[in-house]
């Protein structure tokens, strides 16, 4: 980080990044699994827009929760949980 930048300048610069939608969702998916190579992580940090990463994370988390709810409802309704 350079000392001649004003406060918040790094964030402004990061928000102008044009990371791809697929790349953003791929990075978020890898973070949910907790596995990522160091070089891939560094590439993501340098290319992805932080706002896009947050939005993708919220979407993936919501899909995960809905998936878990549907799985539990399916197991309970099938009677497999009673045996």
PDB file of N, CA and C in Angstrom:
ATOM      1  N   UNK A   1       0.844  -1.167   0.000  1.00  0.00           N
ATOM      2  CA  UNK A   1       0.000   0.000   0.000  1.00  0.00           C
ATOM      3  C   UNK A   1       0.890   1.232   0.000  1.00  0.00           C
ATOM      4  N   UNK A   2       0.534   2.215  -0.747  1.00  0.00           N
ATOM      5  CA  UNK A   2       1.323   3.428  -0.879  1.00  0.00           C
ATOM      6  C   UNK A   2       0.918   4.439   0.191  1.00  0.00           C
ATOM      7  N   UNK A   3       1.888   5.177   0.726  1.00  0.00           N
ATOM      8  CA  UNK A   3       1.618   6.154   1.776  1.00  0.00           C
ATOM      9  C   UNK A   3       1.014   7.445   1.239  1.00  0.00           C
ATOM     10  N   UNK A   4       1.102   7.691  -0.062  1.00  0.00           N
ATOM     11  CA  UNK A   4       0.614   8.948  -0.618  1.00  0.00           C
ATOM     12  C   UNK A   4      -0.879   8.894  -0.969  1.00  0.00           C
ATOM     13  N   UNK A   5      -1.572   7.806  -0.666  1.00  0.00           N
ATOM     14  CA  UNK A   5      -3.002   7.701  -0.939  1.00  0.00           C
ATOM     15  C   UNK A   5      -3.813   8.317   0.191  1.00  0.00           C
ATOM     16  N   UNK A   6      -4.918   8.938  -0.165  1.00  0.00           N
ATOM     17  CA  UNK A   6      -5.826   9.477   0.829  1.00  0.00           C
ATOM     18  C   UNK A   6      -6.580   8.319   1.489  1.00  0.00           C
ATOM     19  N   UNK A   7      -7.101   8.533   2.696  1.00  0.00           N
ATOM     20  CA  UNK A   7      -7.885   7.471   3.339  1.00  0.00           C
ATOM     21  C   UNK A   7      -9.084   7.081   2.470  1.00  0.00           C
ATOM     22  N   UNK A   8      -9.290   5.795   2.315  1.00  0.00           N
ATOM     23  CA  UNK A   8     -10.404   5.301   1.512  1.00  0.00           C
ATOM     24  C   UNK A   8     -10.109   5.178   0.030  1.00  0.00           C
ATOM     25  N   UNK A   9      -8.936   5.615  -0.402  1.00  0.00           N
ATOM     26  CA  UNK A   9      -8.593   5.574  -1.826  1.00  0.00           C
ATOM     27  C   UNK A   9      -8.445   4.134  -2.317  1.00  0.00           C
ATOM     28  N   UNK A  10      -7.907   3.247  -1.459  1.00  0.00           N
ATOM     29  CA  UNK A  10      -7.790   1.837  -1.839  1.00  0.00           C
ATOM     30  C   UNK A  10      -9.168   1.226  -2.103  1.00  0.00           C
ATOM     31  N   UNK A  11     -10.134   1.558  -1.258  1.00  0.00           N
ATOM     32  CA  UNK A  11     -11.488   1.035  -1.432  1.00  0.00           C
ATOM     33  C   UNK A  11     -12.108   1.566  -2.714  1.00  0.00           C
ATOM     34  N   UNK A  12     -11.910   2.840  -2.997  1.00  0.00           N
ATOM     35  CA  UNK A  12     -12.444   3.405  -4.234  1.00  0.00           C
ATOM     36  C   UNK A  12     -11.840   2.726  -5.452  1.00  0.00           C
ATOM     37  N   UNK A  13     -10.546   2.468  -5.381  1.00  0.00           N
ATOM     38  CA  UNK A  13      -9.861   1.796  -6.479  1.00  0.00           C
ATOM     39  C   UNK A  13     -10.377   0.358  -6.628  1.00  0.00           C
ATOM     40  N   UNK A  14     -10.615  -0.322  -5.520  1.00  0.00           N
ATOM     41  CA  UNK A  14     -11.118  -1.703  -5.554  1.00  0.00           C
ATOM     42  C   UNK A  14     -12.536  -1.759  -6.118  1.00  0.00           C
ATOM     43  N   UNK A  15     -13.336  -0.750  -5.827  1.00  0.00           N
ATOM     44  CA  UNK A  15     -14.726  -0.744  -6.299  1.00  0.00           C
ATOM     45  C   UNK A  15     -14.818  -0.540  -7.808  1.00  0.00           C
ATOM     46  N   UNK A  16     -13.755  -0.057  -8.434  1.00  0.00           N
ATOM     47  CA  UNK A  16     -13.761   0.144  -9.884  1.00  0.00           C
ATOM     48  C   UNK A  16     -13.336  -1.103 -10.651  1.00  0.00           C
ATOM     49  N   UNK A  17     -12.967  -2.160  -9.945  1.00  0.00           N
ATOM     50  CA  UNK A  17     -12.552  -3.386 -10.628  1.00  0.00           C
ATOM     51  C   UNK A  17     -13.725  -3.996 -11.380  1.00  0.00           C
ATOM     52  N   UNK A  18     -13.421  -4.676 -12.465  1.00  0.00           N
ATOM     53  CA  UNK A  18     -14.447  -5.255 -13.328  1.00  0.00           C
ATOM     54  C   UNK A  18     -14.373  -6.787 -13.311  1.00  0.00           C
ATOM     55  N   UNK A  19     -14.377  -7.408 -12.144  1.00  0.00           N
ATOM     56  CA  UNK A  19     -14.330  -8.860 -12.062  1.00  0.00           C
ATOM     57  C   UNK A  19     -15.538  -9.478 -12.739  1.00  0.00           C
ATOM     58  N   UNK A  20     -15.346 -10.652 -13.309  1.00  0.00           N
ATOM     59  CA  UNK A  20     -16.445 -11.305 -14.014  1.00  0.00           C
ATOM     60  C   UNK A  20     -17.434 -11.916 -13.024  1.00  0.00           C
ATOM     61  N   UNK A  21     -18.669 -12.066 -13.457  1.00  0.00           N
ATOM     62  CA  UNK A  21     -19.710 -12.656 -12.623  1.00  0.00           C
ATOM     63  C   UNK A  21     -19.378 -14.106 -12.293  1.00  0.00           C
ATOM     64  N   UNK A  22     -18.945 -14.851 -13.300  1.00  0.00           N
ATOM     65  CA  UNK A  22     -18.587 -16.247 -13.085  1.00  0.00           C
ATOM     66  C   UNK A  22     -17.393 -16.363 -12.142  1.00  0.00           C
ATOM     67  N   UNK A  23     -16.408 -15.522 -12.317  1.00  0.00           N
ATOM     68  CA  UNK A  23     -15.236 -15.537 -11.445  1.00  0.00           C
ATOM     69  C   UNK A  23     -15.592 -15.197 -10.005  1.00  0.00           C
ATOM     70  N   UNK A  24     -16.514 -14.262  -9.836  1.00  0.00           N
ATOM     71  CA  UNK A  24     -16.948 -13.884  -8.502  1.00  0.00           C
ATOM     72  C   UNK A  24     -17.655 -15.041  -7.812  1.00  0.00           C
ATOM     73  N   UNK A  25     -18.593 -15.682  -8.515  1.00  0.00           N
ATOM     74  CA  UNK A  25     -19.313 -16.805  -7.911  1.00  0.00           C
ATOM     75  C   UNK A  25     -18.386 -17.991  -7.681  1.00  0.00           C
ATOM     76  N   UNK A  26     -17.407 -18.185  -8.544  1.00  0.00           N
ATOM     77  CA  UNK A  26     -16.442 -19.274  -8.354  1.00  0.00           C
ATOM     78  C   UNK A  26     -15.612 -19.020  -7.091  1.00  0.00           C
ATOM     79  N   UNK A  27     -15.166 -17.794  -6.895  1.00  0.00           N
ATOM     80  CA  UNK A  27     -14.383 -17.454  -5.708  1.00  0.00           C
ATOM     81  C   UNK A  27     -15.203 -17.627  -4.433  1.00  0.00           C
ATOM     82  N   UNK A  28     -16.474 -17.225  -4.489  1.00  0.00           N
ATOM     83  CA  UNK A  28     -17.345 -17.376  -3.323  1.00  0.00           C
ATOM     84  C   UNK A  28     -17.596 -18.857  -3.038  1.00  0.00           C
ATOM     85  N   UNK A  29     -17.804 -19.650  -4.078  1.00  0.00           N
ATOM     86  CA  UNK A  29     -18.025 -21.090  -3.889  1.00  0.00           C
ATOM     87  C   UNK A  29     -16.800 -21.748  -3.263  1.00  0.00           C
ATOM     88  N   UNK A  30     -15.612 -21.398  -3.731  1.00  0.00           N
ATOM     89  CA  UNK A  30     -14.396 -21.953  -3.145  1.00  0.00           C
ATOM     90  C   UNK A  30     -14.266 -21.537  -1.690  1.00  0.00           C
ATOM     91  N   UNK A  31     -14.658 -20.324  -1.365  1.00  0.00           N
ATOM     92  CA  UNK A  31     -14.549 -19.875   0.028  1.00  0.00           C
ATOM     93  C   UNK A  31     -15.533 -20.609   0.926  1.00  0.00           C
ATOM     94  N   UNK A  32     -16.689 -21.018   0.396  1.00  0.00           N
ATOM     95  CA  UNK A  32     -17.637 -21.796   1.188  1.00  0.00           C
ATOM     96  C   UNK A  32     -17.066 -23.164   1.511  1.00  0.00           C
ATOM     97  N   UNK A  33     -16.300 -23.745   0.599  1.00  0.00           N
ATOM     98  CA  UNK A  33     -15.657 -25.037   0.857  1.00  0.00           C
ATOM     99  C   UNK A  33     -14.410 -24.880   1.707  1.00  0.00           C
ATOM    100  N   UNK A  34     -13.828 -23.700   1.718  1.00  0.00           N
ATOM    101  CA  UNK A  34     -12.648 -23.441   2.527  1.00  0.00           C
ATOM    102  C   UNK A  34     -11.348 -23.911   1.912  1.00  0.00           C
ATOM    103  N   UNK A  35     -11.362 -24.160   0.614  1.00  0.00           N
ATOM    104  CA  UNK A  35     -10.137 -24.591  -0.059  1.00  0.00           C
ATOM    105  C   UNK A  35      -9.854 -23.635  -1.217  1.00  0.00           C
ATOM    106  N   UNK A  36      -8.646 -23.118  -1.232  1.00  0.00           N
ATOM    107  CA  UNK A  36      -8.250 -22.224  -2.311  1.00  0.00           C
ATOM    108  C   UNK A  36      -6.737 -22.129  -2.307  1.00  0.00           C
ATOM    109  N   UNK A  37      -6.130 -22.247  -3.453  1.00  0.00           N
ATOM    110  CA  UNK A  37      -4.687 -22.110  -3.549  1.00  0.00           C
ATOM    111  C   UNK A  37      -4.296 -20.649  -3.354  1.00  0.00           C
ATOM    112  N   UNK A  38      -3.113 -20.426  -2.832  1.00  0.00           N
ATOM    113  CA  UNK A  38      -2.652 -19.068  -2.568  1.00  0.00           C
ATOM    114  C   UNK A  38      -2.610 -18.206  -3.815  1.00  0.00           C
ATOM    115  N   UNK A  39      -2.172 -18.788  -4.932  1.00  0.00           N
ATOM    116  CA  UNK A  39      -2.091 -17.996  -6.167  1.00  0.00           C
ATOM    117  C   UNK A  39      -3.486 -17.619  -6.662  1.00  0.00           C
ATOM    118  N   UNK A  40      -4.443 -18.514  -6.530  1.00  0.00           N
ATOM    119  CA  UNK A  40      -5.821 -18.208  -6.929  1.00  0.00           C
ATOM    120  C   UNK A  40      -6.432 -17.143  -6.049  1.00  0.00           C
ATOM    121  N   UNK A  41      -6.123 -17.201  -4.769  1.00  0.00           N
ATOM    122  CA  UNK A  41      -6.630 -16.193  -3.841  1.00  0.00           C
ATOM    123  C   UNK A  41      -6.068 -14.814  -4.180  1.00  0.00           C
ATOM    124  N   UNK A  42      -4.779 -14.747  -4.435  1.00  0.00           N
ATOM    125  CA  UNK A  42      -4.153 -13.468  -4.786  1.00  0.00           C
ATOM    126  C   UNK A  42      -4.748 -12.898  -6.077  1.00  0.00           C
ATOM    127  N   UNK A  43      -5.020 -13.777  -7.036  1.00  0.00           N
ATOM    128  CA  UNK A  43      -5.641 -13.348  -8.293  1.00  0.00           C
ATOM    129  C   UNK A  43      -7.029 -12.782  -8.038  1.00  0.00           C
ATOM    130  N   UNK A  44      -7.817 -13.456  -7.192  1.00  0.00           N
ATOM    131  CA  UNK A  44      -9.159 -12.982  -6.862  1.00  0.00           C
ATOM    132  C   UNK A  44      -9.111 -11.624  -6.178  1.00  0.00           C
ATOM    133  N   UNK A  45      -8.197 -11.465  -5.230  1.00  0.00           N
ATOM    134  CA  UNK A  45      -8.086 -10.207  -4.495  1.00  0.00           C
ATOM    135  C   UNK A  45      -7.743  -9.054  -5.429  1.00  0.00           C
ATOM    136  N   UNK A  46      -6.951  -9.327  -6.440  1.00  0.00           N
ATOM    137  CA  UNK A  46      -6.530  -8.247  -7.334  1.00  0.00           C
ATOM    138  C   UNK A  46      -7.542  -7.940  -8.432  1.00  0.00           C
ATOM    139  N   UNK A  47      -8.474  -8.848  -8.694  1.00  0.00           N
ATOM    140  CA  UNK A  47      -9.374  -8.647  -9.833  1.00  0.00           C
ATOM    141  C   UNK A  47     -10.841  -8.425  -9.467  1.00  0.00           C
ATOM    142  N   UNK A  48     -11.314  -8.980  -8.369  1.00  0.00           N
ATOM    143  CA  UNK A  48     -12.742  -8.943  -8.071  1.00  0.00           C
ATOM    144  C   UNK A  48     -13.155  -7.671  -7.342  1.00  0.00           C
ATOM    145  N   UNK A  49     -14.367  -7.234  -7.633  1.00  0.00           N
ATOM    146  CA  UNK A  49     -14.957  -6.070  -6.988  1.00  0.00           C
ATOM    147  C   UNK A  49     -15.517  -6.510  -5.636  1.00  0.00           C
ATOM    148  N   UNK A  50     -15.134  -5.860  -4.527  1.00  0.00           N
ATOM    149  CA  UNK A  50     -15.604  -6.281  -3.211  1.00  0.00           C
ATOM    150  C   UNK A  50     -17.124  -6.277  -3.066  1.00  0.00           C
ATOM    151  N   UNK A  51     -17.798  -5.324  -3.680  1.00  0.00           N
ATOM    152  CA  UNK A  51     -19.257  -5.274  -3.607  1.00  0.00           C
ATOM    153  C   UNK A  51     -19.870  -6.493  -4.283  1.00  0.00           C
ATOM    154  N   UNK A  52     -19.319  -6.896  -5.418  1.00  0.00           N
ATOM    155  CA  UNK A  52     -19.818  -8.082  -6.110  1.00  0.00           C
ATOM    156  C   UNK A  52     -19.614  -9.330  -5.267  1.00  0.00           C
ATOM    157  N   UNK A  53     -18.484  -9.398  -4.570  1.00  0.00           N
ATOM    158  CA  UNK A  53     -18.203 -10.559  -3.718  1.00  0.00           C
ATOM    159  C   UNK A  53     -19.211 -10.627  -2.571  1.00  0.00           C
ATOM    160  N   UNK A  54     -19.538  -9.498  -1.972  1.00  0.00           N
ATOM    161  CA  UNK A  54     -20.511  -9.476  -0.871  1.00  0.00           C
ATOM    162  C   UNK A  54     -21.881  -9.901  -1.356  1.00  0.00           C
ATOM    163  N   UNK A  55     -22.318  -9.357  -2.482  1.00  0.00           N
ATOM    164  CA  UNK A  55     -23.632  -9.713  -3.027  1.00  0.00           C
ATOM    165  C   UNK A  55     -23.680 -11.197  -3.390  1.00  0.00           C
ATOM    166  N   UNK A  56     -22.641 -11.693  -4.031  1.00  0.00           N
ATOM    167  CA  UNK A  56     -22.593 -13.116  -4.388  1.00  0.00           C
ATOM    168  C   UNK A  56     -22.590 -13.980  -3.137  1.00  0.00           C
ATOM    169  N   UNK A  57     -21.883 -13.560  -2.093  1.00  0.00           N
ATOM    170  CA  UNK A  57     -21.857 -14.314  -0.843  1.00  0.00           C
ATOM    171  C   UNK A  57     -23.224 -14.398  -0.194  1.00  0.00           C
ATOM    172  N   UNK A  58     -23.958 -13.296  -0.195  1.00  0.00           N
ATOM    173  CA  UNK A  58     -25.303 -13.300   0.380  1.00  0.00           C
ATOM    174  C   UNK A  58     -26.223 -14.203  -0.438  1.00  0.00           C
ATOM    175  N   UNK A  59     -26.122 -14.151  -1.760  1.00  0.00           N
ATOM    176  CA  UNK A  59     -26.955 -14.996  -2.619  1.00  0.00           C
ATOM    177  C   UNK A  59     -26.640 -16.470  -2.396  1.00  0.00           C
ATOM    178  N   UNK A  60     -25.366 -16.825  -2.359  1.00  0.00           N
ATOM    179  CA  UNK A  60     -24.979 -18.224  -2.167  1.00  0.00           C
ATOM    180  C   UNK A  60     -25.380 -18.699  -0.773  1.00  0.00           C
ATOM    181  N   UNK A  61     -25.238 -17.854   0.241  1.00  0.00           N
ATOM    182  CA  UNK A  61     -25.643 -18.234   1.598  1.00  0.00           C
ATOM    183  C   UNK A  61     -27.149 -18.464   1.669  1.00  0.00           C
ATOM    184  N   UNK A  62     -27.922 -17.602   1.018  1.00  0.00           N
ATOM    185  CA  UNK A  62     -29.372 -17.779   0.996  1.00  0.00           C
ATOM    186  C   UNK A  62     -29.754 -19.072   0.276  1.00  0.00           C
ATOM    187  N   UNK A  63     -29.090 -19.361  -0.837  1.00  0.00           N
ATOM    188  CA  UNK A  63     -29.361 -20.612  -1.555  1.00  0.00           C
ATOM    189  C   UNK A  63     -29.000 -21.819  -0.694  1.00  0.00           C
ATOM    190  N   UNK A  64     -27.926 -21.732   0.064  1.00  0.00           N
ATOM    191  CA  UNK A  64     -27.510 -22.812   0.952  1.00  0.00           C
ATOM    192  C   UNK A  64     -28.560 -23.059   2.035  1.00  0.00           C
ATOM    193  N   UNK A  65     -29.042 -21.984   2.656  1.00  0.00           N
ATOM    194  CA  UNK A  65     -30.057 -22.112   3.708  1.00  0.00           C
ATOM    195  C   UNK A  65     -31.349 -22.682   3.143  1.00  0.00           C
ATOM    196  N   UNK A  66     -31.789 -22.193   1.998  1.00  0.00           N
ATOM    197  CA  UNK A  66     -33.010 -22.723   1.369  1.00  0.00           C
ATOM    198  C   UNK A  66     -32.827 -24.202   1.018  1.00  0.00           C
ATOM    199  N   UNK A  67     -31.648 -24.553   0.528  1.00  0.00           N
ATOM    200  CA  UNK A  67     -31.371 -25.956   0.218  1.00  0.00           C
ATOM    201  C   UNK A  67     -31.433 -26.841   1.450  1.00  0.00           C
ATOM    202  N   UNK A  68     -30.879 -26.367   2.557  1.00  0.00           N
ATOM    203  CA  UNK A  68     -30.952 -27.132   3.807  1.00  0.00           C
ATOM    204  C   UNK A  68     -32.387 -27.287   4.293  1.00  0.00           C
ATOM    205  N   UNK A  69     -33.168 -26.222   4.208  1.00  0.00           N
ATOM    206  CA  UNK A  69     -34.579 -26.292   4.621  1.00  0.00           C
ATOM    207  C   UNK A  69     -35.333 -27.291   3.759  1.00  0.00           C
ATOM    208  N   UNK A  70     -35.124 -27.244   2.448  1.00  0.00           N
ATOM    209  CA  UNK A  70     -35.796 -28.193   1.560  1.00  0.00           C
ATOM    210  C   UNK A  70     -35.364 -29.627   1.840  1.00  0.00           C
ATOM    211  N   UNK A  71     -34.090 -29.836   2.124  1.00  0.00           N
ATOM    212  CA  UNK A  71     -33.597 -31.176   2.447  1.00  0.00           C
ATOM    213  C   UNK A  71     -34.235 -31.701   3.730  1.00  0.00           C
ATOM    214  N   UNK A  72     -34.299 -30.877   4.752  1.00  0.00           N
ATOM    215  CA  UNK A  72     -34.909 -31.297   6.019  1.00  0.00           C
ATOM    216  C   UNK A  72     -36.398 -31.587   5.830  1.00  0.00           C
ATOM    217  N   UNK A  73     -37.099 -30.751   5.090  1.00  0.00           N
ATOM    218  CA  UNK A  73     -38.531 -30.994   4.850  1.00  0.00           C
ATOM    219  C   UNK A  73     -38.742 -32.292   4.082  1.00  0.00           C
ATOM    220  N   UNK A  74     -37.858 -32.566   3.118  1.00  0.00           N
ATOM    221  CA  UNK A  74     -37.973 -33.801   2.346  1.00  0.00           C
ATOM    222  C   UNK A  74     -37.724 -35.024   3.230  1.00  0.00           C
ATOM    223  N   UNK A  75     -36.700 -34.957   4.087  1.00  0.00           N
ATOM    224  CA  UNK A  75     -36.389 -36.091   4.969  1.00  0.00           C
ATOM    225  C   UNK A  75     -37.527 -36.318   5.960  1.00  0.00           C
ATOM    226  N   UNK A  76     -38.039 -35.259   6.523  1.00  0.00           N
ATOM    227  CA  UNK A  76     -39.125 -35.396   7.507  1.00  0.00           C
ATOM    228  C   UNK A  76     -40.395 -35.920   6.834  1.00  0.00           C
ATOM    229  N   UNK A  77     -40.724 -35.447   5.655  1.00  0.00           N
ATOM    230  CA  UNK A  77     -41.946 -35.878   4.985  1.00  0.00           C
ATOM    231  C   UNK A  77     -41.840 -37.304   4.447  1.00  0.00           C
ATOM    232  N   UNK A  78     -40.627 -37.784   4.196  1.00  0.00           N
ATOM    233  CA  UNK A  78     -40.467 -39.146   3.688  1.00  0.00           C
ATOM    234  C   UNK A  78     -40.568 -40.178   4.797  1.00  0.00           C
ATOM    235  N   UNK A  79     -40.508 -39.748   6.024  1.00  0.00           N
ATOM    236  CA  UNK A  79     -40.597 -40.678   7.137  1.00  0.00           C
ATOM    237  C   UNK A  79     -39.278 -41.308   7.497  1.00  0.00           C
ATOM    238  N   UNK A  80     -38.214 -40.983   6.805  1.00  0.00           N
ATOM    239  CA  UNK A  80     -36.905 -41.562   7.091  1.00  0.00           C
ATOM    240  C   UNK A  80     -36.395 -41.128   8.450  1.00  0.00           C
ATOM    241  N   UNK A  81     -36.838 -39.988   8.933  1.00  0.00           N
ATOM    242  CA  UNK A  81     -36.371 -39.488  10.214  1.00  0.00           C
ATOM    243  C   UNK A  81     -37.031 -40.234  11.373  1.00  0.00           C
ATOM    244  N   UNK A  82     -38.137 -40.917  11.129  1.00  0.00           N
ATOM    245  CA  UNK A  82     -38.869 -41.612  12.184  1.00  0.00           C
ATOM    246  C   UNK A  82     -38.274 -42.983  12.495  1.00  0.00           C
ATOM    247  N   UNK A  83     -37.555 -43.572  11.578  1.00  0.00           N
ATOM    248  CA  UNK A  83     -37.033 -44.936  11.791  1.00  0.00           C
ATOM    249  C   UNK A  83     -35.763 -44.956  12.520  1.00  0.00           C
TER     250      UNK A  83
END
